[in-house]
Amino acid sequence: MKKIFIAAIVGVFLANFAFADDASCESKAADKKLNGAAKNSFIKKCEKDAVSDVQKACDAKAADKKLHGAAKNSFTKKCVADGSK
């Protein structure tokens, strides 16, 4: 149950990051002159890549600080939220 809760919290923060990066992905799609399904596919992949990049960076920082358990989860959650601004 605790893992589900933590996953849900991380998911919320990742979703917030995806929405924040949406404008950047939209502009990239416009630069490439994409429309319709190609545009939607591009934006979806762009947002997913942006979220995973931030998550990977935050996980690496937590590992560098040798954090585990609740401390790691708290640090990663804050790091992802700060990275989305």
PDB file of N, CA and C in Angstrom:
ATOM      1  N   MET A   1       0.823  -1.188   0.000  1.00  0.00           N
ATOM      2  CA  MET A   1       0.000   0.000   0.000  1.00  0.00           C
ATOM      3  C   MET A   1       0.872   1.259   0.000  1.00  0.00           C
ATOM      4  N   LYS A   2       1.957   1.210   0.775  1.00  0.00           N
ATOM      5  CA  LYS A   2       2.844   2.361   0.867  1.00  0.00           C
ATOM      6  C   LYS A   2       3.507   2.639  -0.485  1.00  0.00           C
ATOM      7  N   LYS A   3       3.878   1.572  -1.195  1.00  0.00           N
ATOM      8  CA  LYS A   3       4.508   1.745  -2.506  1.00  0.00           C
ATOM      9  C   LYS A   3       3.542   2.361  -3.503  1.00  0.00           C
ATOM     10  N   ILE A   4       2.287   1.976  -3.442  1.00  0.00           N
ATOM     11  CA  ILE A   4       1.271   2.538  -4.339  1.00  0.00           C
ATOM     12  C   ILE A   4       1.104   4.030  -4.066  1.00  0.00           C
ATOM     13  N   PHE A   5       1.078   4.377  -2.791  1.00  0.00           N
ATOM     14  CA  PHE A   5       0.939   5.783  -2.409  1.00  0.00           C
ATOM     15  C   PHE A   5       2.124   6.604  -2.927  1.00  0.00           C
ATOM     16  N   ILE A   6       3.325   6.092  -2.729  1.00  0.00           N
ATOM     17  CA  ILE A   6       4.516   6.796  -3.192  1.00  0.00           C
ATOM     18  C   ILE A   6       4.508   6.919  -4.714  1.00  0.00           C
ATOM     19  N   ALA A   7       4.119   5.842  -5.395  1.00  0.00           N
ATOM     20  CA  ALA A   7       4.048   5.885  -6.855  1.00  0.00           C
ATOM     21  C   ALA A   7       3.027   6.916  -7.322  1.00  0.00           C
ATOM     22  N   ALA A   8       1.918   7.013  -6.619  1.00  0.00           N
ATOM     23  CA  ALA A   8       0.892   7.993  -6.976  1.00  0.00           C
ATOM     24  C   ALA A   8       1.409   9.414  -6.810  1.00  0.00           C
ATOM     25  N   ILE A   9       2.121   9.661  -5.728  1.00  0.00           N
ATOM     26  CA  ILE A   9       2.667  10.998  -5.487  1.00  0.00           C
ATOM     27  C   ILE A   9       3.681  11.363  -6.570  1.00  0.00           C
ATOM     28  N   VAL A  10       4.570  10.436  -6.864  1.00  0.00           N
ATOM     29  CA  VAL A  10       5.573  10.695  -7.908  1.00  0.00           C
ATOM     30  C   VAL A  10       4.877  10.922  -9.247  1.00  0.00           C
ATOM     31  N   GLY A  11       3.831  10.148  -9.516  1.00  0.00           N
ATOM     32  CA  GLY A  11       3.075  10.307 -10.756  1.00  0.00           C
ATOM     33  C   GLY A  11       2.467  11.686 -10.892  1.00  0.00           C
ATOM     34  N   VAL A  12       1.944  12.206  -9.802  1.00  0.00           N
ATOM     35  CA  VAL A  12       1.349  13.551  -9.820  1.00  0.00           C
ATOM     36  C   VAL A  12       2.407  14.596 -10.172  1.00  0.00           C
ATOM     37  N   PHE A  13       3.575  14.483  -9.556  1.00  0.00           N
ATOM     38  CA  PHE A  13       4.629  15.445  -9.852  1.00  0.00           C
ATOM     39  C   PHE A  13       5.140  15.307 -11.274  1.00  0.00           C
ATOM     40  N   LEU A  14       5.220  14.095 -11.763  1.00  0.00           N
ATOM     41  CA  LEU A  14       5.666  13.899 -13.146  1.00  0.00           C
ATOM     42  C   LEU A  14       4.637  14.452 -14.121  1.00  0.00           C
ATOM     43  N   ALA A  15       3.368  14.292 -13.804  1.00  0.00           N
ATOM     44  CA  ALA A  15       2.325  14.842 -14.668  1.00  0.00           C
ATOM     45  C   ALA A  15       2.401  16.359 -14.692  1.00  0.00           C
ATOM     46  N   ASN A  16       2.664  16.969 -13.538  1.00  0.00           N
ATOM     47  CA  ASN A  16       2.808  18.420 -13.492  1.00  0.00           C
ATOM     48  C   ASN A  16       3.971  18.874 -14.349  1.00  0.00           C
ATOM     49  N   PHE A  17       5.048  18.120 -14.329  1.00  0.00           N
ATOM     50  CA  PHE A  17       6.192  18.475 -15.159  1.00  0.00           C
ATOM     51  C   PHE A  17       5.829  18.372 -16.638  1.00  0.00           C
ATOM     52  N   ALA A  18       5.087  17.357 -16.994  1.00  0.00           N
ATOM     53  CA  ALA A  18       4.710  17.180 -18.393  1.00  0.00           C
ATOM     54  C   ALA A  18       3.876  18.359 -18.880  1.00  0.00           C
ATOM     55  N   PHE A  19       2.976  18.847 -18.046  1.00  0.00           N
ATOM     56  CA  PHE A  19       2.162  19.981 -18.452  1.00  0.00           C
ATOM     57  C   PHE A  19       2.999  21.247 -18.553  1.00  0.00           C
ATOM     58  N   ALA A  20       3.975  21.393 -17.676  1.00  0.00           N
ATOM     59  CA  ALA A  20       4.834  22.574 -17.729  1.00  0.00           C
ATOM     60  C   ALA A  20       5.681  22.574 -18.990  1.00  0.00           C
ATOM     61  N   ASP A  21       6.092  21.403 -19.429  1.00  0.00           N
ATOM     62  CA  ASP A  21       6.943  21.297 -20.611  1.00  0.00           C
ATOM     63  C   ASP A  21       6.118  21.253 -21.899  1.00  0.00           C
ATOM     64  N   ASP A  22       4.803  21.217 -21.774  1.00  0.00           N
ATOM     65  CA  ASP A  22       3.919  21.108 -22.927  1.00  0.00           C
ATOM     66  C   ASP A  22       4.143  22.227 -23.930  1.00  0.00           C
ATOM     67  N   ALA A  23       4.347  23.454 -23.454  1.00  0.00           N
ATOM     68  CA  ALA A  23       4.545  24.585 -24.351  1.00  0.00           C
ATOM     69  C   ALA A  23       5.821  24.409 -25.172  1.00  0.00           C
ATOM     70  N   SER A  24       6.851  23.910 -24.546  1.00  0.00           N
ATOM     71  CA  SER A  24       8.110  23.682 -25.253  1.00  0.00           C
ATOM     72  C   SER A  24       7.928  22.617 -26.332  1.00  0.00           C
ATOM     73  N   CYS A  25       7.245  21.538 -25.986  1.00  0.00           N
ATOM     74  CA  CYS A  25       7.003  20.471 -26.960  1.00  0.00           C
ATOM     75  C   CYS A  25       6.084  20.955 -28.084  1.00  0.00           C
ATOM     76  N   GLU A  26       5.104  21.782 -27.738  1.00  0.00           N
ATOM     77  CA  GLU A  26       4.212  22.353 -28.749  1.00  0.00           C
ATOM     78  C   GLU A  26       5.001  23.214 -29.733  1.00  0.00           C
ATOM     79  N   SER A  27       5.916  24.013 -29.200  1.00  0.00           N
ATOM     80  CA  SER A  27       6.690  24.888 -30.083  1.00  0.00           C
ATOM     81  C   SER A  27       7.633  24.077 -30.972  1.00  0.00           C
ATOM     82  N   LYS A  28       8.190  23.002 -30.428  1.00  0.00           N
ATOM     83  CA  LYS A  28       9.045  22.138 -31.240  1.00  0.00           C
ATOM     84  C   LYS A  28       8.248  21.496 -32.372  1.00  0.00           C
ATOM     85  N   ALA A  29       7.016  21.080 -32.067  1.00  0.00           N
ATOM     86  CA  ALA A  29       6.159  20.478 -33.089  1.00  0.00           C
ATOM     87  C   ALA A  29       5.799  21.510 -34.156  1.00  0.00           C
ATOM     88  N   ALA A  30       5.562  22.753 -33.732  1.00  0.00           N
ATOM     89  CA  ALA A  30       5.241  23.808 -34.681  1.00  0.00           C
ATOM     90  C   ALA A  30       6.447  24.106 -35.579  1.00  0.00           C
ATOM     91  N   ASP A  31       7.644  24.086 -34.982  1.00  0.00           N
ATOM     92  CA  ASP A  31       8.862  24.317 -35.768  1.00  0.00           C
ATOM     93  C   ASP A  31       9.038  23.250 -36.840  1.00  0.00           C
ATOM     94  N   LYS A  32       8.629  22.039 -36.498  1.00  0.00           N
ATOM     95  CA  LYS A  32       8.751  20.928 -37.451  1.00  0.00           C
ATOM     96  C   LYS A  32       7.545  20.858 -38.397  1.00  0.00           C
ATOM     97  N   LYS A  33       6.587  21.770 -38.202  1.00  0.00           N
ATOM     98  CA  LYS A  33       5.372  21.852 -39.019  1.00  0.00           C
ATOM     99  C   LYS A  33       4.600  20.531 -39.021  1.00  0.00           C
ATOM    100  N   LEU A  34       4.431  19.961 -37.806  1.00  0.00           N
ATOM    101  CA  LEU A  34       3.683  18.718 -37.661  1.00  0.00           C
ATOM    102  C   LEU A  34       2.214  19.021 -37.412  1.00  0.00           C
ATOM    103  N   ASN A  35       1.352  18.157 -37.906  1.00  0.00           N
ATOM    104  CA  ASN A  35      -0.089  18.290 -37.717  1.00  0.00           C
ATOM    105  C   ASN A  35      -0.696  16.914 -37.453  1.00  0.00           C
ATOM    106  N   GLY A  36      -1.884  16.913 -36.865  1.00  0.00           N
ATOM    107  CA  GLY A  36      -2.655  15.692 -36.685  1.00  0.00           C
ATOM    108  C   GLY A  36      -1.960  14.659 -35.818  1.00  0.00           C
ATOM    109  N   ALA A  37      -2.021  13.410 -36.269  1.00  0.00           N
ATOM    110  CA  ALA A  37      -1.487  12.292 -35.499  1.00  0.00           C
ATOM    111  C   ALA A  37       0.022  12.399 -35.315  1.00  0.00           C
ATOM    112  N   ALA A  38       0.726  12.892 -36.307  1.00  0.00           N
ATOM    113  CA  ALA A  38       2.177  13.038 -36.189  1.00  0.00           C
ATOM    114  C   ALA A  38       2.524  14.037 -35.081  1.00  0.00           C
ATOM    115  N   LYS A  39       1.758  15.126 -35.006  1.00  0.00           N
ATOM    116  CA  LYS A  39       1.982  16.134 -33.965  1.00  0.00           C
ATOM    117  C   LYS A  39       1.697  15.545 -32.594  1.00  0.00           C
ATOM    118  N   ASN A  40       0.569  14.850 -32.460  1.00  0.00           N
ATOM    119  CA  ASN A  40       0.201  14.254 -31.178  1.00  0.00           C
ATOM    120  C   ASN A  40       1.243  13.245 -30.715  1.00  0.00           C
ATOM    121  N   SER A  41       1.705  12.417 -31.626  1.00  0.00           N
ATOM    122  CA  SER A  41       2.714  11.418 -31.300  1.00  0.00           C
ATOM    123  C   SER A  41       4.016  12.080 -30.870  1.00  0.00           C
ATOM    124  N   PHE A  42       4.429  13.104 -31.604  1.00  0.00           N
ATOM    125  CA  PHE A  42       5.659  13.822 -31.284  1.00  0.00           C
ATOM    126  C   PHE A  42       5.573  14.460 -29.902  1.00  0.00           C
ATOM    127  N   ILE A  43       4.463  15.129 -29.603  1.00  0.00           N
ATOM    128  CA  ILE A  43       4.299  15.804 -28.321  1.00  0.00           C
ATOM    129  C   ILE A  43       4.298  14.796 -27.179  1.00  0.00           C
ATOM    130  N   LYS A  44       3.618  13.683 -27.369  1.00  0.00           N
ATOM    131  CA  LYS A  44       3.567  12.648 -26.333  1.00  0.00           C
ATOM    132  C   LYS A  44       4.969  12.127 -26.023  1.00  0.00           C
ATOM    133  N   LYS A  45       5.756  11.855 -27.051  1.00  0.00           N
ATOM    134  CA  LYS A  45       7.119  11.362 -26.853  1.00  0.00           C
ATOM    135  C   LYS A  45       7.998  12.443 -26.238  1.00  0.00           C
ATOM    136  N   CYS A  46       7.848  13.668 -26.681  1.00  0.00           N
ATOM    137  CA  CYS A  46       8.629  14.787 -26.166  1.00  0.00           C
ATOM    138  C   CYS A  46       8.392  14.957 -24.658  1.00  0.00           C
ATOM    139  N   GLU A  47       7.132  14.921 -24.231  1.00  0.00           N
ATOM    140  CA  GLU A  47       6.799  15.077 -22.820  1.00  0.00           C
ATOM    141  C   GLU A  47       7.335  13.910 -21.997  1.00  0.00           C
ATOM    142  N   LYS A  48       7.218  12.701 -22.533  1.00  0.00           N
ATOM    143  CA  LYS A  48       7.715  11.518 -21.831  1.00  0.00           C
ATOM    144  C   LYS A  48       9.227  11.599 -21.662  1.00  0.00           C
ATOM    145  N   ASP A  49       9.933  12.017 -22.705  1.00  0.00           N
ATOM    146  CA  ASP A  49      11.388  12.139 -22.636  1.00  0.00           C
ATOM    147  C   ASP A  49      11.806  13.205 -21.626  1.00  0.00           C
ATOM    148  N   ALA A  50      11.088  14.308 -21.581  1.00  0.00           N
ATOM    149  CA  ALA A  50      11.427  15.385 -20.654  1.00  0.00           C
ATOM    150  C   ALA A  50      11.251  14.930 -19.209  1.00  0.00           C
ATOM    151  N   VAL A  51      10.181  14.212 -18.944  1.00  0.00           N
ATOM    152  CA  VAL A  51       9.923  13.723 -17.598  1.00  0.00           C
ATOM    153  C   VAL A  51      10.982  12.710 -17.187  1.00  0.00           C
ATOM    154  N   SER A  52      11.315  11.800 -18.088  1.00  0.00           N
ATOM    155  CA  SER A  52      12.293  10.776 -17.726  1.00  0.00           C
ATOM    156  C   SER A  52      13.675  11.383 -17.527  1.00  0.00           C
ATOM    157  N   ASP A  53      14.016  12.439 -18.256  1.00  0.00           N
ATOM    158  CA  ASP A  53      15.300  13.105 -18.068  1.00  0.00           C
ATOM    159  C   ASP A  53      15.405  13.719 -16.675  1.00  0.00           C
ATOM    160  N   VAL A  54      14.350  14.380 -16.230  1.00  0.00           N
ATOM    161  CA  VAL A  54      14.344  14.997 -14.905  1.00  0.00           C
ATOM    162  C   VAL A  54      14.390  13.917 -13.831  1.00  0.00           C
ATOM    163  N   GLN A  55      13.601  12.865 -14.012  1.00  0.00           N
ATOM    164  CA  GLN A  55      13.565  11.775 -13.036  1.00  0.00           C
ATOM    165  C   GLN A  55      14.941  11.120 -12.917  1.00  0.00           C
ATOM    166  N   LYS A  56      15.594  10.877 -14.042  1.00  0.00           N
ATOM    167  CA  LYS A  56      16.926  10.264 -14.029  1.00  0.00           C
ATOM    168  C   LYS A  56      17.935  11.159 -13.317  1.00  0.00           C
ATOM    169  N   ALA A  57      17.876  12.446 -13.583  1.00  0.00           N
ATOM    170  CA  ALA A  57      18.800  13.382 -12.939  1.00  0.00           C
ATOM    171  C   ALA A  57      18.577  13.412 -11.432  1.00  0.00           C
ATOM    172  N   CYS A  58      17.325  13.412 -11.015  1.00  0.00           N
ATOM    173  CA  CYS A  58      17.016  13.441  -9.583  1.00  0.00           C
ATOM    174  C   CYS A  58      17.423  12.132  -8.907  1.00  0.00           C
ATOM    175  N   ASP A  59      17.212  11.020  -9.577  1.00  0.00           N
ATOM    176  CA  ASP A  59      17.628   9.724  -9.025  1.00  0.00           C
ATOM    177  C   ASP A  59      19.145   9.680  -8.860  1.00  0.00           C
ATOM    178  N   ALA A  60      19.869  10.239  -9.826  1.00  0.00           N
ATOM    179  CA  ALA A  60      21.331  10.271  -9.742  1.00  0.00           C
ATOM    180  C   ALA A  60      21.788  11.143  -8.578  1.00  0.00           C
ATOM    181  N   LYS A  61      21.123  12.285  -8.389  1.00  0.00           N
ATOM    182  CA  LYS A  61      21.485  13.163  -7.270  1.00  0.00           C
ATOM    183  C   LYS A  61      21.241  12.463  -5.937  1.00  0.00           C
ATOM    184  N   ALA A  62      20.122  11.735  -5.832  1.00  0.00           N
ATOM    185  CA  ALA A  62      19.813  11.002  -4.603  1.00  0.00           C
ATOM    186  C   ALA A  62      20.853   9.917  -4.351  1.00  0.00           C
ATOM    187  N   ALA A  63      21.297   9.251  -5.405  1.00  0.00           N
ATOM    188  CA  ALA A  63      22.322   8.220  -5.266  1.00  0.00           C
ATOM    189  C   ALA A  63      23.652   8.842  -4.837  1.00  0.00           C
ATOM    190  N   ASP A  64      23.993  10.000  -5.388  1.00  0.00           N
ATOM    191  CA  ASP A  64      25.221  10.688  -5.000  1.00  0.00           C
ATOM    192  C   ASP A  64      25.209  11.062  -3.516  1.00  0.00           C
ATOM    193  N   LYS A  65      24.025  11.415  -3.031  1.00  0.00           N
ATOM    194  CA  LYS A  65      23.887  11.779  -1.619  1.00  0.00           C
ATOM    195  C   LYS A  65      23.701  10.550  -0.732  1.00  0.00           C
ATOM    196  N   LYS A  66      23.672   9.367  -1.356  1.00  0.00           N
ATOM    197  CA  LYS A  66      23.509   8.087  -0.652  1.00  0.00           C
ATOM    198  C   LYS A  66      22.238   8.073   0.192  1.00  0.00           C
ATOM    199  N   LEU A  67      21.139   8.557  -0.396  1.00  0.00           N
ATOM    200  CA  LEU A  67      19.851   8.573   0.292  1.00  0.00           C
ATOM    201  C   LEU A  67      19.108   7.273   0.036  1.00  0.00           C
ATOM    202  N   HIS A  68      18.353   6.833   1.028  1.00  0.00           N
ATOM    203  CA  HIS A  68      17.557   5.609   0.904  1.00  0.00           C
ATOM    204  C   HIS A  68      16.215   5.814   1.595  1.00  0.00           C
ATOM    205  N   GLY A  69      15.247   5.006   1.208  1.00  0.00           N
ATOM    206  CA  GLY A  69      13.943   5.009   1.864  1.00  0.00           C
ATOM    207  C   GLY A  69      13.199   6.317   1.736  1.00  0.00           C
ATOM    208  N   ALA A  70      12.623   6.737   2.874  1.00  0.00           N
ATOM    209  CA  ALA A  70      11.796   7.946   2.892  1.00  0.00           C
ATOM    210  C   ALA A  70      12.590   9.194   2.530  1.00  0.00           C
ATOM    211  N   ALA A  71      13.846   9.250   2.945  1.00  0.00           N
ATOM    212  CA  ALA A  71      14.671  10.424   2.625  1.00  0.00           C
ATOM    213  C   ALA A  71      14.873  10.533   1.120  1.00  0.00           C
ATOM    214  N   LYS A  72      15.113   9.395   0.466  1.00  0.00           N
ATOM    215  CA  LYS A  72      15.291   9.386  -0.990  1.00  0.00           C
ATOM    216  C   LYS A  72      14.003   9.802  -1.685  1.00  0.00           C
ATOM    217  N   ASN A  73      12.876   9.244  -1.234  1.00  0.00           N
ATOM    218  CA  ASN A  73      11.590   9.577  -1.854  1.00  0.00           C
ATOM    219  C   ASN A  73      11.260  11.052  -1.704  1.00  0.00           C
ATOM    220  N   SER A  74      11.499  11.590  -0.517  1.00  0.00           N
ATOM    221  CA  SER A  74      11.220  12.998  -0.272  1.00  0.00           C
ATOM    222  C   SER A  74      12.118  13.883  -1.135  1.00  0.00           C
ATOM    223  N   PHE A  75      13.406  13.557  -1.174  1.00  0.00           N
ATOM    224  CA  PHE A  75      14.349  14.334  -1.981  1.00  0.00           C
ATOM    225  C   PHE A  75      13.977  14.287  -3.460  1.00  0.00           C
ATOM    226  N   THR A  76      13.683  13.083  -3.958  1.00  0.00           N
ATOM    227  CA  THR A  76      13.355  12.920  -5.376  1.00  0.00           C
ATOM    228  C   THR A  76      12.078  13.672  -5.725  1.00  0.00           C
ATOM    229  N   LYS A  77      11.079  13.587  -4.853  1.00  0.00           N
ATOM    230  CA  LYS A  77       9.812  14.283  -5.092  1.00  0.00           C
ATOM    231  C   LYS A  77      10.041  15.789  -5.205  1.00  0.00           C
ATOM    232  N   LYS A  78      10.824  16.351  -4.277  1.00  0.00           N
ATOM    233  CA  LYS A  78      11.101  17.786  -4.311  1.00  0.00           C
ATOM    234  C   LYS A  78      11.950  18.151  -5.525  1.00  0.00           C
ATOM    235  N   CYS A  79      12.910  17.306  -5.842  1.00  0.00           N
ATOM    236  CA  CYS A  79      13.789  17.552  -6.983  1.00  0.00           C
ATOM    237  C   CYS A  79      12.997  17.592  -8.291  1.00  0.00           C
ATOM    238  N   VAL A  80      12.097  16.631  -8.478  1.00  0.00           N
ATOM    239  CA  VAL A  80      11.284  16.587  -9.699  1.00  0.00           C
ATOM    240  C   VAL A  80      10.377  17.809  -9.762  1.00  0.00           C
ATOM    241  N   ALA A  81       9.793  18.171  -8.621  1.00  0.00           N
ATOM    242  CA  ALA A  81       8.916  19.352  -8.599  1.00  0.00           C
ATOM    243  C   ALA A  81       9.708  20.614  -8.925  1.00  0.00           C
ATOM    244  N   ASP A  82      10.905  20.743  -8.390  1.00  0.00           N
ATOM    245  CA  ASP A  82      11.734  21.919  -8.669  1.00  0.00           C
ATOM    246  C   ASP A  82      12.208  21.923 -10.114  1.00  0.00           C
ATOM    247  N   GLY A  83      12.446  20.749 -10.663  1.00  0.00           N
ATOM    248  CA  GLY A  83      12.895  20.643 -12.055  1.00  0.00           C
ATOM    249  C   GLY A  83      11.834  20.990 -13.053  1.00  0.00           C
ATOM    250  N   SER A  84      10.583  20.985 -12.620  1.00  0.00           N
ATOM    251  CA  SER A  84       9.487  21.250 -13.552  1.00  0.00           C
ATOM    252  C   SER A  84       9.196  22.726 -13.697  1.00  0.00           C
ATOM    253  N   LYS A  85       9.851  23.565 -12.937  1.00  0.00           N
ATOM    254  CA  LYS A  85       9.577  25.008 -12.996  1.00  0.00           C
ATOM    255  C   LYS A  85      10.395  25.684 -14.043  1.00  0.00           C
TER     256      LYS A  85
END
